[in-house]
Amino acid sequence: MVELVRAGRTPEELAKEFQPSAQSIRTWVRQADLDDGRRQDGLTSAEKDELARLRRENKILRAEKEILRKCTAAFFARETDLPR
């Protein structure tokens, strides 16, 4: 679809012929332009993938940090309860 738009066909023509919406085709062309370096006003597919990976990693690290915080609090609470 992207190549057909770049060759001169409109997203509206292609939408009638192939069924995806014209807006979907425009979105595909925009993303392809970003990936090819023709545009600079958004994230490339590789950047989007990296951002998603970093967000997942950040979520895991936050969960691990919370677990360690709770374990540390429980350890010190137990230590202060022991008679000396």
N, C-alpha and C. Protein backbone atom coordinates (compact mmCIF):
# COMPACT_ATOMS: atom_id res chain seq x y z
N MET A 1 0.82 -1.19 0.00
CA MET A 1 0.00 0.00 0.00
C MET A 1 0.87 1.25 0.00
N VAL A 2 1.91 1.21 0.83
CA VAL A 2 2.80 2.36 0.93
C VAL A 2 3.40 2.68 -0.42
N GLU A 3 3.88 1.65 -1.11
CA GLU A 3 4.49 1.86 -2.42
C GLU A 3 3.48 2.39 -3.43
N LEU A 4 2.25 1.94 -3.33
CA LEU A 4 1.22 2.43 -4.26
C LEU A 4 0.93 3.91 -4.01
N VAL A 5 0.90 4.32 -2.74
CA VAL A 5 0.69 5.73 -2.43
C VAL A 5 1.87 6.54 -2.93
N ARG A 6 3.07 6.04 -2.71
CA ARG A 6 4.27 6.75 -3.17
C ARG A 6 4.32 6.82 -4.70
N ALA A 7 3.68 5.86 -5.37
CA ALA A 7 3.65 5.86 -6.83
C ALA A 7 2.59 6.82 -7.38
N GLY A 8 1.77 7.39 -6.49
CA GLY A 8 0.80 8.38 -6.96
C GLY A 8 -0.66 8.08 -6.70
N ARG A 9 -0.95 6.89 -6.21
CA ARG A 9 -2.35 6.56 -5.91
C ARG A 9 -2.74 7.23 -4.59
N THR A 10 -4.01 7.56 -4.44
CA THR A 10 -4.46 8.18 -3.19
C THR A 10 -4.92 7.11 -2.22
N PRO A 11 -4.83 7.41 -0.92
CA PRO A 11 -5.33 6.44 0.07
C PRO A 11 -6.81 6.14 -0.12
N GLU A 12 -7.57 7.12 -0.58
CA GLU A 12 -9.00 6.91 -0.79
C GLU A 12 -9.26 5.90 -1.90
N GLU A 13 -8.51 6.00 -3.02
CA GLU A 13 -8.64 5.03 -4.12
C GLU A 13 -8.31 3.62 -3.63
N LEU A 14 -7.21 3.53 -2.91
CA LEU A 14 -6.77 2.22 -2.41
C LEU A 14 -7.74 1.65 -1.40
N ALA A 15 -8.34 2.51 -0.59
CA ALA A 15 -9.31 2.05 0.41
C ALA A 15 -10.52 1.41 -0.27
N LYS A 16 -10.97 2.01 -1.35
CA LYS A 16 -12.11 1.45 -2.08
C LYS A 16 -11.76 0.11 -2.73
N GLU A 17 -10.53 0.01 -3.20
CA GLU A 17 -10.11 -1.20 -3.91
C GLU A 17 -9.73 -2.35 -2.98
N PHE A 18 -9.05 -2.03 -1.87
CA PHE A 18 -8.49 -3.09 -1.02
C PHE A 18 -9.12 -3.22 0.37
N GLN A 19 -10.01 -2.34 0.75
CA GLN A 19 -10.79 -2.40 1.98
C GLN A 19 -10.21 -1.78 3.26
N PRO A 20 -8.91 -1.64 3.47
CA PRO A 20 -8.54 -0.93 4.70
C PRO A 20 -8.96 0.53 4.57
N SER A 21 -9.16 1.18 5.69
CA SER A 21 -9.62 2.57 5.62
C SER A 21 -8.51 3.47 5.07
N ALA A 22 -8.92 4.59 4.51
CA ALA A 22 -7.95 5.55 3.98
C ALA A 22 -7.05 6.06 5.10
N GLN A 23 -7.61 6.23 6.28
CA GLN A 23 -6.81 6.70 7.42
C GLN A 23 -5.75 5.66 7.80
N SER A 24 -6.09 4.39 7.75
CA SER A 24 -5.11 3.34 8.04
C SER A 24 -3.96 3.40 7.03
N ILE A 25 -4.29 3.58 5.78
CA ILE A 25 -3.26 3.66 4.75
C ILE A 25 -2.38 4.88 4.97
N ARG A 26 -2.98 6.02 5.31
CA ARG A 26 -2.19 7.22 5.61
C ARG A 26 -1.27 6.98 6.80
N THR A 27 -1.76 6.27 7.81
CA THR A 27 -0.95 5.96 8.99
C THR A 27 0.23 5.07 8.60
N TRP A 28 0.00 4.08 7.75
CA TRP A 28 1.07 3.20 7.29
C TRP A 28 2.13 3.99 6.53
N VAL A 29 1.67 4.90 5.66
CA VAL A 29 2.61 5.71 4.88
C VAL A 29 3.42 6.60 5.81
N ARG A 30 2.76 7.20 6.79
CA ARG A 30 3.46 8.08 7.74
C ARG A 30 4.53 7.28 8.50
N GLN A 31 4.17 6.07 8.97
CA GLN A 31 5.13 5.26 9.72
C GLN A 31 6.29 4.82 8.82
N ALA A 32 5.99 4.47 7.58
CA ALA A 32 7.05 4.09 6.65
C ALA A 32 7.98 5.27 6.39
N ASP A 33 7.42 6.47 6.27
CA ASP A 33 8.24 7.67 6.08
C ASP A 33 9.13 7.92 7.28
N LEU A 34 8.61 7.71 8.47
CA LEU A 34 9.43 7.85 9.68
C LEU A 34 10.56 6.82 9.70
N ASP A 35 10.22 5.58 9.37
CA ASP A 35 11.22 4.51 9.38
C ASP A 35 12.30 4.73 8.32
N ASP A 36 11.92 5.33 7.19
CA ASP A 36 12.87 5.57 6.10
C ASP A 36 13.64 6.87 6.26
N GLY A 37 13.32 7.64 7.29
CA GLY A 37 14.02 8.91 7.51
C GLY A 37 13.48 10.06 6.68
N ARG A 38 12.34 9.89 6.05
CA ARG A 38 11.75 10.97 5.26
C ARG A 38 11.04 12.00 6.13
N ARG A 39 10.70 11.59 7.35
CA ARG A 39 10.04 12.48 8.31
C ARG A 39 10.81 12.40 9.62
N GLN A 40 10.68 13.45 10.42
CA GLN A 40 11.36 13.50 11.71
C GLN A 40 10.39 13.86 12.84
N ASP A 41 9.10 13.83 12.58
CA ASP A 41 8.12 14.30 13.56
C ASP A 41 7.44 13.18 14.35
N GLY A 42 8.16 12.10 14.58
CA GLY A 42 7.61 11.00 15.35
C GLY A 42 8.68 9.93 15.59
N LEU A 43 8.25 8.84 16.21
CA LEU A 43 9.16 7.74 16.53
C LEU A 43 9.16 6.70 15.41
N THR A 44 10.34 6.17 15.12
CA THR A 44 10.42 5.07 14.16
C THR A 44 9.90 3.79 14.83
N SER A 45 9.70 2.77 14.03
CA SER A 45 9.24 1.49 14.58
C SER A 45 10.26 0.94 15.57
N ALA A 46 11.54 1.08 15.25
CA ALA A 46 12.59 0.59 16.16
C ALA A 46 12.56 1.36 17.48
N GLU A 47 12.34 2.66 17.40
CA GLU A 47 12.26 3.46 18.63
C GLU A 47 11.04 3.09 19.46
N LYS A 48 9.92 2.82 18.79
CA LYS A 48 8.70 2.40 19.50
C LYS A 48 8.93 1.05 20.20
N ASP A 49 9.60 0.13 19.50
CA ASP A 49 9.90 -1.18 20.09
C ASP A 49 10.80 -1.03 21.31
N GLU A 50 11.82 -0.18 21.18
CA GLU A 50 12.74 0.04 22.30
C GLU A 50 12.02 0.68 23.48
N LEU A 51 11.16 1.64 23.20
CA LEU A 51 10.40 2.30 24.26
C LEU A 51 9.51 1.29 25.00
N ALA A 52 8.84 0.43 24.26
CA ALA A 52 8.00 -0.59 24.88
C ALA A 52 8.84 -1.54 25.74
N ARG A 53 10.01 -1.94 25.22
CA ARG A 53 10.90 -2.83 25.97
C ARG A 53 11.37 -2.16 27.25
N LEU A 54 11.75 -0.90 27.17
CA LEU A 54 12.21 -0.17 28.36
C LEU A 54 11.09 0.03 29.38
N ARG A 55 9.88 0.26 28.90
CA ARG A 55 8.75 0.40 29.83
C ARG A 55 8.48 -0.91 30.56
N ARG A 56 8.55 -2.04 29.82
CA ARG A 56 8.37 -3.35 30.48
C ARG A 56 9.47 -3.58 31.51
N GLU A 57 10.70 -3.28 31.14
CA GLU A 57 11.83 -3.46 32.04
C GLU A 57 11.68 -2.58 33.28
N ASN A 58 11.25 -1.35 33.07
CA ASN A 58 11.05 -0.42 34.18
C ASN A 58 9.96 -0.94 35.13
N LYS A 59 8.91 -1.51 34.59
CA LYS A 59 7.83 -2.07 35.41
C LYS A 59 8.35 -3.21 36.27
N ILE A 60 9.16 -4.08 35.67
CA ILE A 60 9.75 -5.20 36.41
C ILE A 60 10.67 -4.70 37.51
N LEU A 61 11.51 -3.72 37.18
CA LEU A 61 12.44 -3.18 38.17
C LEU A 61 11.71 -2.52 39.33
N ARG A 62 10.62 -1.83 39.04
CA ARG A 62 9.83 -1.21 40.11
C ARG A 62 9.23 -2.28 41.03
N ALA A 63 8.74 -3.37 40.44
CA ALA A 63 8.18 -4.45 41.24
C ALA A 63 9.26 -5.10 42.10
N GLU A 64 10.44 -5.32 41.53
CA GLU A 64 11.54 -5.90 42.29
C GLU A 64 11.97 -4.97 43.43
N LYS A 65 12.00 -3.69 43.16
CA LYS A 65 12.37 -2.71 44.19
C LYS A 65 11.35 -2.74 45.34
N GLU A 66 10.09 -2.85 45.00
CA GLU A 66 9.04 -2.90 46.04
C GLU A 66 9.18 -4.17 46.87
N ILE A 67 9.48 -5.29 46.23
CA ILE A 67 9.68 -6.54 46.97
C ILE A 67 10.86 -6.40 47.93
N LEU A 68 11.97 -5.85 47.45
CA LEU A 68 13.15 -5.66 48.31
C LEU A 68 12.84 -4.70 49.46
N ARG A 69 12.07 -3.66 49.19
CA ARG A 69 11.71 -2.71 50.25
C ARG A 69 10.91 -3.41 51.34
N LYS A 70 9.95 -4.23 50.93
CA LYS A 70 9.14 -4.96 51.91
C LYS A 70 9.96 -5.98 52.68
N CYS A 71 10.86 -6.67 52.00
CA CYS A 71 11.72 -7.65 52.67
C CYS A 71 12.63 -6.98 53.68
N THR A 72 13.19 -5.85 53.30
CA THR A 72 14.08 -5.12 54.20
C THR A 72 13.31 -4.62 55.42
N ALA A 73 12.12 -4.11 55.20
CA ALA A 73 11.30 -3.63 56.31
C ALA A 73 10.95 -4.79 57.25
N ALA A 74 10.60 -5.94 56.68
CA ALA A 74 10.25 -7.10 57.50
C ALA A 74 11.47 -7.60 58.28
N PHE A 75 12.64 -7.60 57.65
CA PHE A 75 13.86 -8.04 58.32
C PHE A 75 14.17 -7.16 59.52
N PHE A 76 14.13 -5.84 59.32
CA PHE A 76 14.47 -4.95 60.42
C PHE A 76 13.40 -4.93 61.50
N ALA A 77 12.16 -5.15 61.11
CA ALA A 77 11.08 -5.24 62.11
C ALA A 77 11.31 -6.48 62.97
N ARG A 78 11.71 -7.57 62.39
CA ARG A 78 11.98 -8.80 63.13
C ARG A 78 13.20 -8.61 64.02
N GLU A 79 14.22 -7.96 63.52
CA GLU A 79 15.45 -7.73 64.31
C GLU A 79 15.17 -6.87 65.53
N THR A 80 14.29 -5.91 65.42
CA THR A 80 14.02 -5.03 66.57
C THR A 80 13.13 -5.71 67.59
N ASP A 81 12.41 -6.77 67.19
CA ASP A 81 11.53 -7.49 68.12
C ASP A 81 12.28 -8.53 68.95
N LEU A 82 13.49 -8.90 68.55
CA LEU A 82 14.23 -9.92 69.28
C LEU A 82 14.79 -9.35 70.58
N PRO A 83 14.71 -10.13 71.66
CA PRO A 83 15.31 -9.64 72.93
C PRO A 83 16.83 -9.71 72.85
N ARG A 84 17.48 -8.82 73.55
CA ARG A 84 18.95 -8.80 73.52
C ARG A 84 19.51 -9.31 74.80
